Amino acid sequence: MKYTTDFRDIKQFKPFSFRGMIRDFALTGLSVKAKLPRYKESFFKPRIQFLYIHHVFDDEISKFDNLLNELSKCHTFIPYSEAIRKITSNEIDKSYISISSDDGFKNNLKAAQVLEKYNAKACFFINPDSIGLTDFNKIKEFCSRNLNFPPTEFMNWSDVDKLLKLGHEIGSHTMGHINIATTDLNKVKDNISESFDVIQSRCGKVEHFAFPYGRFFHFNLPSYNYVFEAGFKSCATAERGCHISNEKINLDELLIRRDHVVCDWNLDHTM
């Protein structure tokens, strides 16, 4: 019984992807363009870019550090709630980055250590059902069934408290990482509401929600409404894109776009 501690084990766990090979080939070409002065200027354009990760394994720590260092050259890191406020009040006056993390793996504590170096605060979206799990077989089942992942250790509530004390935020990712689009709406409503109550009781406050799997087809309008009925102030996707200056927008009309980043990726590809 062994938990995954290195990303190289994840790459062995997941099968070869022809799509991934084509992606790498395309990004290699684009990364050449990204080094041109005119292209680099685009990084300074006023916008809010939400980046999210799932993990920082032992062999990803230095790569995560390198990524934040590179991003800090042309962006200002801001907390998640501050990013939401700037969007809704139309105060996007320069290039901002807001970071979040999904799924609540214990190695998020290592991510927090690197974030501290850059005075960057993140929002960690957790599934209360997996927080504090210690039974290896249950963790293995949860990771395989819900995350398509090998067994990886989750945080406990003491770990969550450590993140809060460092100034980070905690958000909901549903109780147990459900696929909202394929779940009965009544169960979805109860699940979202329960996750709000559990996290609020444990953390004192919870404002942000990110639905699992993250694509538009994993979500629906009734569930979007349930998010705000439960008491959350924002809802996030895993659809790529950024937020630029626009007319003021109400919180319950906003659906956050976030760009997924894997720390192990080639830095030029990520940029």
C-alpha atoms as a PDB file:
ATOM      1  CA  MET A   1       0.000   0.000   0.000  1.00  0.00           C
ATOM      2  CA  LYS A   2       1.701   3.149  -1.224  1.00  0.00           C
ATOM      3  CA  TYR A   3       0.478   6.668  -1.957  1.00  0.00           C
ATOM      4  CA  THR A   4       1.579   8.483  -5.076  1.00  0.00           C
ATOM      5  CA  THR A   5       4.265  11.070  -4.292  1.00  0.00           C
ATOM      6  CA  ASP A   6       5.754  11.829  -7.725  1.00  0.00           C
ATOM      7  CA  PHE A   7       4.091  12.976 -10.919  1.00  0.00           C
ATOM      8  CA  ARG A   8       6.146  10.491 -12.947  1.00  0.00           C
ATOM      9  CA  ASP A   9       3.968   7.784 -11.360  1.00  0.00           C
ATOM     10  CA  ILE A  10       0.864   9.570 -12.662  1.00  0.00           C
ATOM     11  CA  LYS A  11       2.284   9.530 -16.187  1.00  0.00           C
ATOM     12  CA  GLN A  12       2.808   5.788 -15.909  1.00  0.00           C
ATOM     13  CA  PHE A  13      -0.727   5.344 -14.567  1.00  0.00           C
ATOM     14  CA  LYS A  14      -2.365   7.145 -17.474  1.00  0.00           C
ATOM     15  CA  PRO A  15      -2.226   5.602 -20.949  1.00  0.00           C
ATOM     16  CA  PHE A  16      -0.487   7.139 -23.952  1.00  0.00           C
ATOM     17  CA  SER A  17      -2.608   9.809 -25.611  1.00  0.00           C
ATOM     18  CA  PHE A  18      -2.270  10.577 -29.320  1.00  0.00           C
ATOM     19  CA  ARG A  19      -4.169  13.802 -28.608  1.00  0.00           C
ATOM     20  CA  GLY A  20      -1.584  14.700 -25.991  1.00  0.00           C
ATOM     21  CA  MET A  21       1.237  14.107 -28.455  1.00  0.00           C
ATOM     22  CA  ILE A  22      -0.387  16.436 -31.006  1.00  0.00           C
ATOM     23  CA  ARG A  23      -0.941  19.001 -28.253  1.00  0.00           C
ATOM     24  CA  ASP A  24       2.739  18.945 -27.280  1.00  0.00           C
ATOM     25  CA  PHE A  25       3.786  19.322 -30.904  1.00  0.00           C
ATOM     26  CA  ALA A  26       1.486  22.331 -31.369  1.00  0.00           C
ATOM     27  CA  LEU A  27       2.607  23.970 -28.131  1.00  0.00           C
ATOM     28  CA  THR A  28       6.248  23.579 -29.071  1.00  0.00           C
ATOM     29  CA  GLY A  29       5.536  25.649 -32.166  1.00  0.00           C
ATOM     30  CA  LEU A  30       3.502  28.222 -30.246  1.00  0.00           C
ATOM     31  CA  SER A  31       6.171  28.556 -27.561  1.00  0.00           C
ATOM     32  CA  VAL A  32       8.606  29.824 -30.180  1.00  0.00           C
ATOM     33  CA  LYS A  33       6.113  32.556 -31.041  1.00  0.00           C
ATOM     34  CA  ALA A  34       5.590  33.335 -27.354  1.00  0.00           C
ATOM     35  CA  LYS A  35       9.204  34.459 -27.030  1.00  0.00           C
ATOM     36  CA  LEU A  36       8.770  37.232 -29.594  1.00  0.00           C
ATOM     37  CA  PRO A  37       8.639  40.756 -28.047  1.00  0.00           C
ATOM     38  CA  ARG A  38       5.244  41.557 -29.571  1.00  0.00           C
ATOM     39  CA  TYR A  39       3.728  38.378 -28.167  1.00  0.00           C
ATOM     40  CA  LYS A  40       5.220  38.955 -24.720  1.00  0.00           C
ATOM     41  CA  GLU A  41       3.490  42.326 -24.587  1.00  0.00           C
ATOM     42  CA  SER A  42       0.155  40.502 -24.477  1.00  0.00           C
ATOM     43  CA  PHE A  43       0.989  39.192 -20.989  1.00  0.00           C
ATOM     44  CA  PHE A  44       0.728  42.770 -19.703  1.00  0.00           C
ATOM     45  CA  LYS A  45      -2.753  43.389 -21.108  1.00  0.00           C
ATOM     46  CA  PRO A  46      -5.321  44.167 -18.356  1.00  0.00           C
ATOM     47  CA  ARG A  47      -7.213  40.999 -17.506  1.00  0.00           C
ATOM     48  CA  ILE A  48      -7.800  38.498 -14.738  1.00  0.00           C
ATOM     49  CA  GLN A  49      -6.500  35.027 -15.491  1.00  0.00           C
ATOM     50  CA  PHE A  50      -7.611  32.252 -13.145  1.00  0.00           C
ATOM     51  CA  LEU A  51      -5.118  29.394 -13.091  1.00  0.00           C
ATOM     52  CA  TYR A  52      -5.840  26.168 -11.268  1.00  0.00           C
ATOM     53  CA  ILE A  53      -3.850  23.090 -10.367  1.00  0.00           C
ATOM     54  CA  HIS A  54      -4.707  19.760  -8.757  1.00  0.00           C
ATOM     55  CA  HIS A  55      -1.398  18.823  -7.193  1.00  0.00           C
ATOM     56  CA  VAL A  56       2.215  19.687  -6.515  1.00  0.00           C
ATOM     57  CA  PHE A  57       3.991  16.348  -6.150  1.00  0.00           C
ATOM     58  CA  ASP A  58       7.562  16.112  -4.865  1.00  0.00           C
ATOM     59  CA  ASP A  59       9.019  16.216  -8.371  1.00  0.00           C
ATOM     60  CA  GLU A  60       6.843  19.233  -9.268  1.00  0.00           C
ATOM     61  CA  ILE A  61       7.810  21.606  -6.444  1.00  0.00           C
ATOM     62  CA  SER A  62      10.695  23.294  -8.263  1.00  0.00           C
ATOM     63  CA  LYS A  63       8.631  23.462 -11.465  1.00  0.00           C
ATOM     64  CA  PHE A  64       5.767  25.162  -9.644  1.00  0.00           C
ATOM     65  CA  ASP A  65       8.294  27.625  -8.224  1.00  0.00           C
ATOM     66  CA  ASN A  66       9.646  28.306 -11.718  1.00  0.00           C
ATOM     67  CA  LEU A  67       6.139  28.876 -13.051  1.00  0.00           C
ATOM     68  CA  LEU A  68       5.237  31.380 -10.337  1.00  0.00           C
ATOM     69  CA  ASN A  69       8.548  33.141 -10.808  1.00  0.00           C
ATOM     70  CA  GLU A  70       7.902  33.512 -14.539  1.00  0.00           C
ATOM     71  CA  LEU A  71       4.309  34.668 -14.029  1.00  0.00           C
ATOM     72  CA  SER A  72       5.377  37.218 -11.404  1.00  0.00           C
ATOM     73  CA  LYS A  73       7.425  39.077 -14.023  1.00  0.00           C
ATOM     74  CA  CYS A  74       4.336  40.288 -15.853  1.00  0.00           C
ATOM     75  CA  HIS A  75       1.394  39.696 -13.499  1.00  0.00           C
ATOM     76  CA  THR A  76       0.178  40.641 -10.048  1.00  0.00           C
ATOM     77  CA  PHE A  77      -1.041  37.759  -7.891  1.00  0.00           C
ATOM     78  CA  ILE A  78      -4.337  38.447  -6.133  1.00  0.00           C
ATOM     79  CA  PRO A  79      -6.571  36.341  -3.856  1.00  0.00           C
ATOM     80  CA  TYR A  80      -9.598  34.628  -5.365  1.00  0.00           C
ATOM     81  CA  SER A  81     -12.165  36.826  -3.605  1.00  0.00           C
ATOM     82  CA  GLU A  82     -10.316  39.943  -4.697  1.00  0.00           C
ATOM     83  CA  ALA A  83     -10.369  38.712  -8.290  1.00  0.00           C
ATOM     84  CA  ILE A  84     -14.128  38.170  -8.107  1.00  0.00           C
ATOM     85  CA  ARG A  85     -14.583  41.649  -6.651  1.00  0.00           C
ATOM     86  CA  LYS A  86     -12.539  43.268  -9.410  1.00  0.00           C
ATOM     87  CA  ILE A  87     -14.590  41.535 -12.101  1.00  0.00           C
ATOM     88  CA  THR A  88     -17.944  42.487 -10.623  1.00  0.00           C
ATOM     89  CA  SER A  89     -16.879  46.090  -9.976  1.00  0.00           C
ATOM     90  CA  ASN A  90     -15.094  46.412 -13.346  1.00  0.00           C
ATOM     91  CA  GLU A  91     -11.713  47.272 -11.820  1.00  0.00           C
ATOM     92  CA  ILE A  92      -9.467  45.281 -14.133  1.00  0.00           C
ATOM     93  CA  ASP A  93      -6.689  47.804 -14.577  1.00  0.00           C
ATOM     94  CA  LYS A  94      -3.675  45.520 -15.175  1.00  0.00           C
ATOM     95  CA  SER A  95      -2.731  41.866 -15.620  1.00  0.00           C
ATOM     96  CA  TYR A  96      -3.737  39.763 -12.627  1.00  0.00           C
ATOM     97  CA  ILE A  97      -3.364  36.090 -11.792  1.00  0.00           C
ATOM     98  CA  SER A  98      -5.589  34.295  -9.274  1.00  0.00           C
ATOM     99  CA  ILE A  99      -4.676  30.727  -8.348  1.00  0.00           C
ATOM    100  CA  SER A 100      -6.857  27.893  -7.137  1.00  0.00           C
ATOM    101  CA  SER A 101      -6.527  24.155  -6.609  1.00  0.00           C
ATOM    102  CA  ASP A 102      -9.085  21.368  -6.854  1.00  0.00           C
ATOM    103  CA  ASP A 103      -9.600  18.026  -5.059  1.00  0.00           C
ATOM    104  CA  GLY A 104      -7.856  18.599  -1.715  1.00  0.00           C
ATOM    105  CA  PHE A 105      -4.748  16.457  -2.041  1.00  0.00           C
ATOM    106  CA  LYS A 106      -2.343  16.669   0.902  1.00  0.00           C
ATOM    107  CA  ASN A 107       0.449  17.858  -1.366  1.00  0.00           C
ATOM    108  CA  ASN A 108      -1.478  21.131  -1.626  1.00  0.00           C
ATOM    109  CA  LEU A 109       0.439  22.026   1.541  1.00  0.00           C
ATOM    110  CA  LYS A 110       3.618  21.965  -0.553  1.00  0.00           C
ATOM    111  CA  ALA A 111       1.915  24.231  -3.071  1.00  0.00           C
ATOM    112  CA  ALA A 112       1.121  26.619  -0.211  1.00  0.00           C
ATOM    113  CA  GLN A 113       4.792  26.753   0.791  1.00  0.00           C
ATOM    114  CA  VAL A 114       5.767  27.838  -2.721  1.00  0.00           C
ATOM    115  CA  LEU A 115       2.900  30.331  -2.910  1.00  0.00           C
ATOM    116  CA  GLU A 116       4.126  31.886   0.344  1.00  0.00           C
ATOM    117  CA  LYS A 117       7.442  32.690  -1.333  1.00  0.00           C
ATOM    118  CA  TYR A 118       5.585  34.923  -3.809  1.00  0.00           C
ATOM    119  CA  ASN A 119       3.069  36.273  -1.289  1.00  0.00           C
ATOM    120  CA  ALA A 120       0.336  34.647  -3.383  1.00  0.00           C
ATOM    121  CA  LYS A 121      -2.922  33.444  -1.834  1.00  0.00           C
ATOM    122  CA  ALA A 122      -5.025  30.691  -3.398  1.00  0.00           C
ATOM    123  CA  CYS A 123      -8.482  29.184  -3.091  1.00  0.00           C
ATOM    124  CA  PHE A 124      -8.463  25.448  -2.403  1.00  0.00           C
ATOM    125  CA  PHE A 125     -11.632  23.699  -3.583  1.00  0.00           C
ATOM    126  CA  ILE A 126     -12.225  20.588  -1.495  1.00  0.00           C
ATOM    127  CA  ASN A 127     -14.578  17.618  -1.326  1.00  0.00           C
ATOM    128  CA  PRO A 128     -15.547  17.213   2.355  1.00  0.00           C
ATOM    129  CA  ASP A 129     -16.161  13.468   1.834  1.00  0.00           C
ATOM    130  CA  SER A 130     -12.461  12.901   1.125  1.00  0.00           C
ATOM    131  CA  ILE A 131     -11.018  15.305   3.708  1.00  0.00           C
ATOM    132  CA  GLY A 132      -9.659  13.249   6.584  1.00  0.00           C
ATOM    133  CA  LEU A 133      -9.870   9.897   4.803  1.00  0.00           C
ATOM    134  CA  THR A 134      -7.165   7.571   6.157  1.00  0.00           C
ATOM    135  CA  ASP A 135      -8.239   4.114   4.990  1.00  0.00           C
ATOM    136  CA  PHE A 136      -5.978   3.293   2.045  1.00  0.00           C
ATOM    137  CA  ASN A 137      -8.545   1.146   0.249  1.00  0.00           C
ATOM    138  CA  LYS A 138     -11.217   3.836   0.501  1.00  0.00           C
ATOM    139  CA  ILE A 139      -8.772   6.453  -0.780  1.00  0.00           C
ATOM    140  CA  LYS A 140      -7.770   4.162  -3.640  1.00  0.00           C
ATOM    141  CA  GLU A 141     -11.439   3.639  -4.538  1.00  0.00           C
ATOM    142  CA  PHE A 142     -12.274   7.355  -4.330  1.00  0.00           C
ATOM    143  CA  CYS A 143      -9.288   8.350  -6.474  1.00  0.00           C
ATOM    144  CA  SER A 144      -9.998   5.695  -9.081  1.00  0.00           C
ATOM    145  CA  ARG A 145     -13.780   6.201  -9.281  1.00  0.00           C
ATOM    146  CA  ASN A 146     -13.975   9.984  -9.055  1.00  0.00           C
ATOM    147  CA  LEU A 147     -10.602  11.339 -10.161  1.00  0.00           C
ATOM    148  CA  ASN A 148      -9.142   8.710 -12.512  1.00  0.00           C
ATOM    149  CA  PHE A 149      -6.056   8.830 -10.330  1.00  0.00           C
ATOM    150  CA  PRO A 150      -3.867   6.351  -8.456  1.00  0.00           C
ATOM    151  CA  PRO A 151      -4.169   6.481  -4.644  1.00  0.00           C
ATOM    152  CA  THR A 152      -3.045   9.917  -3.459  1.00  0.00           C
ATOM    153  CA  GLU A 153      -3.221  11.142   0.128  1.00  0.00           C
ATOM    154  CA  PHE A 154      -5.855  13.768   0.993  1.00  0.00           C
ATOM    155  CA  MET A 155      -5.688  16.604   3.485  1.00  0.00           C
ATOM    156  CA  ASN A 156      -7.353  16.374   6.872  1.00  0.00           C
ATOM    157  CA  TRP A 157      -9.195  19.228   8.570  1.00  0.00           C
ATOM    158  CA  SER A 158      -6.063  20.209  10.488  1.00  0.00           C
ATOM    159  CA  ASP A 159      -4.314  20.693   7.132  1.00  0.00           C
ATOM    160  CA  VAL A 160      -7.219  22.830   5.959  1.00  0.00           C
ATOM    161  CA  ASP A 161      -6.818  24.958   9.086  1.00  0.00           C
ATOM    162  CA  LYS A 162      -3.138  25.470   8.215  1.00  0.00           C
ATOM    163  CA  LEU A 163      -4.110  26.828   4.794  1.00  0.00           C
ATOM    164  CA  LEU A 164      -6.616  29.197   6.381  1.00  0.00           C
ATOM    165  CA  LYS A 165      -4.017  30.475   8.855  1.00  0.00           C
ATOM    166  CA  LEU A 166      -1.710  31.220   5.909  1.00  0.00           C
ATOM    167  CA  GLY A 167      -4.425  33.435   4.433  1.00  0.00           C
ATOM    168  CA  HIS A 168      -5.750  31.083   1.769  1.00  0.00           C
ATOM    169  CA  GLU A 169      -9.439  30.465   1.055  1.00  0.00           C
ATOM    170  CA  ILE A 170     -11.401  27.222   1.055  1.00  0.00           C
ATOM    171  CA  GLY A 171     -14.121  26.550  -1.489  1.00  0.00           C
ATOM    172  CA  SER A 172     -16.469  23.689  -2.340  1.00  0.00           C
ATOM    173  CA  HIS A 173     -16.014  21.101  -5.078  1.00  0.00           C
ATOM    174  CA  THR A 174     -19.234  19.258  -4.036  1.00  0.00           C
ATOM    175  CA  MET A 175     -19.259  16.724  -1.213  1.00  0.00           C
ATOM    176  CA  GLY A 176     -17.658  13.873  -3.137  1.00  0.00           C
ATOM    177  CA  HIS A 177     -16.655  15.105  -6.614  1.00  0.00           C
ATOM    178  CA  ILE A 178     -19.920  14.187  -8.344  1.00  0.00           C
ATOM    179  CA  ASN A 179     -20.716  14.691 -12.005  1.00  0.00           C
ATOM    180  CA  ILE A 180     -23.511  17.226 -11.638  1.00  0.00           C
ATOM    181  CA  ALA A 181     -24.855  16.768 -15.177  1.00  0.00           C
ATOM    182  CA  THR A 182     -25.558  13.053 -14.620  1.00  0.00           C
ATOM    183  CA  THR A 183     -26.897  13.342 -11.062  1.00  0.00           C
ATOM    184  CA  ASP A 184     -30.548  13.764 -10.088  1.00  0.00           C
ATOM    185  CA  LEU A 185     -31.262  17.469  -9.571  1.00  0.00           C
ATOM    186  CA  ASN A 186     -32.709  16.982  -6.090  1.00  0.00           C
ATOM    187  CA  LYS A 187     -29.545  15.150  -5.046  1.00  0.00           C
ATOM    188  CA  VAL A 188     -27.428  17.883  -6.627  1.00  0.00           C
ATOM    189  CA  LYS A 189     -29.265  20.562  -4.653  1.00  0.00           C
ATOM    190  CA  ASP A 190     -28.802  18.665  -1.385  1.00  0.00           C
ATOM    191  CA  ASN A 191     -25.160  17.948  -2.177  1.00  0.00           C
ATOM    192  CA  ILE A 192     -24.272  21.571  -2.913  1.00  0.00           C
ATOM    193  CA  SER A 193     -26.133  22.802   0.155  1.00  0.00           C
ATOM    194  CA  GLU A 194     -24.514  20.192   2.398  1.00  0.00           C
ATOM    195  CA  SER A 195     -21.036  21.080   1.151  1.00  0.00           C
ATOM    196  CA  PHE A 196     -21.706  24.738   1.999  1.00  0.00           C
ATOM    197  CA  ASP A 197     -22.884  23.869   5.513  1.00  0.00           C
ATOM    198  CA  VAL A 198     -20.026  21.453   6.244  1.00  0.00           C
ATOM    199  CA  ILE A 199     -17.251  23.750   5.054  1.00  0.00           C
ATOM    200  CA  GLN A 200     -18.771  26.797   6.723  1.00  0.00           C
ATOM    201  CA  SER A 201     -19.050  24.960  10.039  1.00  0.00           C
ATOM    202  CA  ARG A 202     -15.436  23.764   9.773  1.00  0.00           C
ATOM    203  CA  CYS A 203     -13.831  26.893   8.293  1.00  0.00           C
ATOM    204  CA  GLY A 204     -16.039  29.711   9.490  1.00  0.00           C
ATOM    205  CA  LYS A 205     -16.694  30.991   5.984  1.00  0.00           C
ATOM    206  CA  VAL A 206     -17.065  29.621   2.477  1.00  0.00           C
ATOM    207  CA  GLU A 207     -17.887  31.757  -0.554  1.00  0.00           C
ATOM    208  CA  HIS A 208     -16.727  29.974  -3.706  1.00  0.00           C
ATOM    209  CA  PHE A 209     -17.831  26.892  -5.627  1.00  0.00           C
ATOM    210  CA  ALA A 210     -16.182  25.061  -8.540  1.00  0.00           C
ATOM    211  CA  PHE A 211     -18.053  22.171 -10.108  1.00  0.00           C
ATOM    212  CA  PRO A 212     -16.157  18.899 -10.739  1.00  0.00           C
ATOM    213  CA  TYR A 213     -14.811  18.011 -14.191  1.00  0.00           C
ATOM    214  CA  GLY A 214     -15.421  21.626 -15.108  1.00  0.00           C
ATOM    215  CA  ARG A 215     -16.632  21.608 -18.694  1.00  0.00           C
ATOM    216  CA  PHE A 216     -19.928  23.272 -19.584  1.00  0.00           C
ATOM    217  CA  PHE A 217     -21.486  19.887 -20.397  1.00  0.00           C
ATOM    218  CA  HIS A 218     -20.793  18.756 -16.823  1.00  0.00           C
ATOM    219  CA  PHE A 219     -23.143  21.442 -15.495  1.00  0.00           C
ATOM    220  CA  ASN A 220     -26.609  22.924 -16.002  1.00  0.00           C
ATOM    221  CA  LEU A 221     -28.621  26.050 -15.244  1.00  0.00           C
ATOM    222  CA  PRO A 222     -30.680  24.662 -12.312  1.00  0.00           C
ATOM    223  CA  SER A 223     -27.461  23.641 -10.559  1.00  0.00           C
ATOM    224  CA  TYR A 224     -25.964  27.073 -11.198  1.00  0.00           C
ATOM    225  CA  ASN A 225     -28.940  28.581  -9.405  1.00  0.00           C
ATOM    226  CA  TYR A 226     -28.587  26.070  -6.544  1.00  0.00           C
ATOM    227  CA  VAL A 227     -25.019  27.289  -5.966  1.00  0.00           C
ATOM    228  CA  PHE A 228     -26.202  30.789  -5.098  1.00  0.00           C
ATOM    229  CA  GLU A 229     -29.289  29.570  -3.233  1.00  0.00           C
ATOM    230  CA  ALA A 230     -26.960  27.568  -0.969  1.00  0.00           C
ATOM    231  CA  GLY A 231     -25.074  30.741  -0.061  1.00  0.00           C
ATOM    232  CA  PHE A 232     -22.032  30.712  -2.340  1.00  0.00           C
ATOM    233  CA  LYS A 233     -20.972  33.985  -3.966  1.00  0.00           C
ATOM    234  CA  SER A 234     -19.236  32.620  -7.059  1.00  0.00           C
ATOM    235  CA  CYS A 235     -19.243  29.620  -9.368  1.00  0.00           C
ATOM    236  CA  ALA A 236     -16.281  28.423 -11.453  1.00  0.00           C
ATOM    237  CA  THR A 237     -15.681  26.202 -14.451  1.00  0.00           C
ATOM    238  CA  ALA A 238     -12.601  24.555 -15.928  1.00  0.00           C
ATOM    239  CA  GLU A 239     -13.226  26.208 -19.277  1.00  0.00           C
ATOM    240  CA  ARG A 240     -10.246  28.155 -20.569  1.00  0.00           C
ATOM    241  CA  GLY A 241     -10.299  31.913 -20.955  1.00  0.00           C
ATOM    242  CA  CYS A 242      -9.747  35.116 -19.031  1.00  0.00           C
ATOM    243  CA  HIS A 243     -11.852  38.000 -17.770  1.00  0.00           C
ATOM    244  CA  ILE A 244     -11.384  41.476 -19.217  1.00  0.00           C
ATOM    245  CA  SER A 245     -12.854  44.912 -18.542  1.00  0.00           C
ATOM    246  CA  ASN A 246     -16.564  45.010 -19.175  1.00  0.00           C
ATOM    247  CA  GLU A 247     -19.686  46.539 -17.733  1.00  0.00           C
ATOM    248  CA  LYS A 248     -20.364  45.728 -14.106  1.00  0.00           C
ATOM    249  CA  ILE A 249     -21.757  42.241 -13.661  1.00  0.00           C
ATOM    250  CA  ASN A 250     -23.790  40.756 -10.823  1.00  0.00           C
ATOM    251  CA  LEU A 251     -22.315  37.840  -8.885  1.00  0.00           C
ATOM    252  CA  ASP A 252     -25.164  35.504  -9.806  1.00  0.00           C
ATOM    253  CA  GLU A 253     -24.626  36.224 -13.512  1.00  0.00           C
ATOM    254  CA  LEU A 254     -20.929  35.362 -13.445  1.00  0.00           C
ATOM    255  CA  LEU A 255     -19.424  31.994 -14.406  1.00  0.00           C
ATOM    256  CA  ILE A 256     -15.664  31.999 -13.852  1.00  0.00           C
ATOM    257  CA  ARG A 257     -13.319  30.612 -16.503  1.00  0.00           C
ATOM    258  CA  ARG A 258     -10.157  28.926 -15.233  1.00  0.00           C
ATOM    259  CA  ASP A 259      -7.115  27.624 -17.076  1.00  0.00           C
ATOM    260  CA  HIS A 260      -5.816  24.242 -15.956  1.00  0.00           C
ATOM    261  CA  VAL A 261      -2.062  23.995 -15.370  1.00  0.00           C
ATOM    262  CA  VAL A 262       0.011  20.908 -14.604  1.00  0.00           C
ATOM    263  CA  CYS A 263       3.245  21.900 -12.876  1.00  0.00           C
ATOM    264  CA  ASP A 264       5.149  19.170 -14.708  1.00  0.00           C
ATOM    265  CA  TRP A 265       4.422  20.730 -18.097  1.00  0.00           C
ATOM    266  CA  ASN A 266       7.205  22.359 -20.066  1.00  0.00           C
ATOM    267  CA  LEU A 267       7.300  25.975 -18.862  1.00  0.00           C
ATOM    268  CA  ASP A 268       7.361  27.374 -22.382  1.00  0.00           C
ATOM    269  CA  HIS A 269       4.265  25.310 -23.199  1.00  0.00           C
ATOM    270  CA  THR A 270       2.442  26.668 -20.171  1.00  0.00           C
ATOM    271  CA  MET A 271       3.262  30.257 -20.993  1.00  0.00           C
END
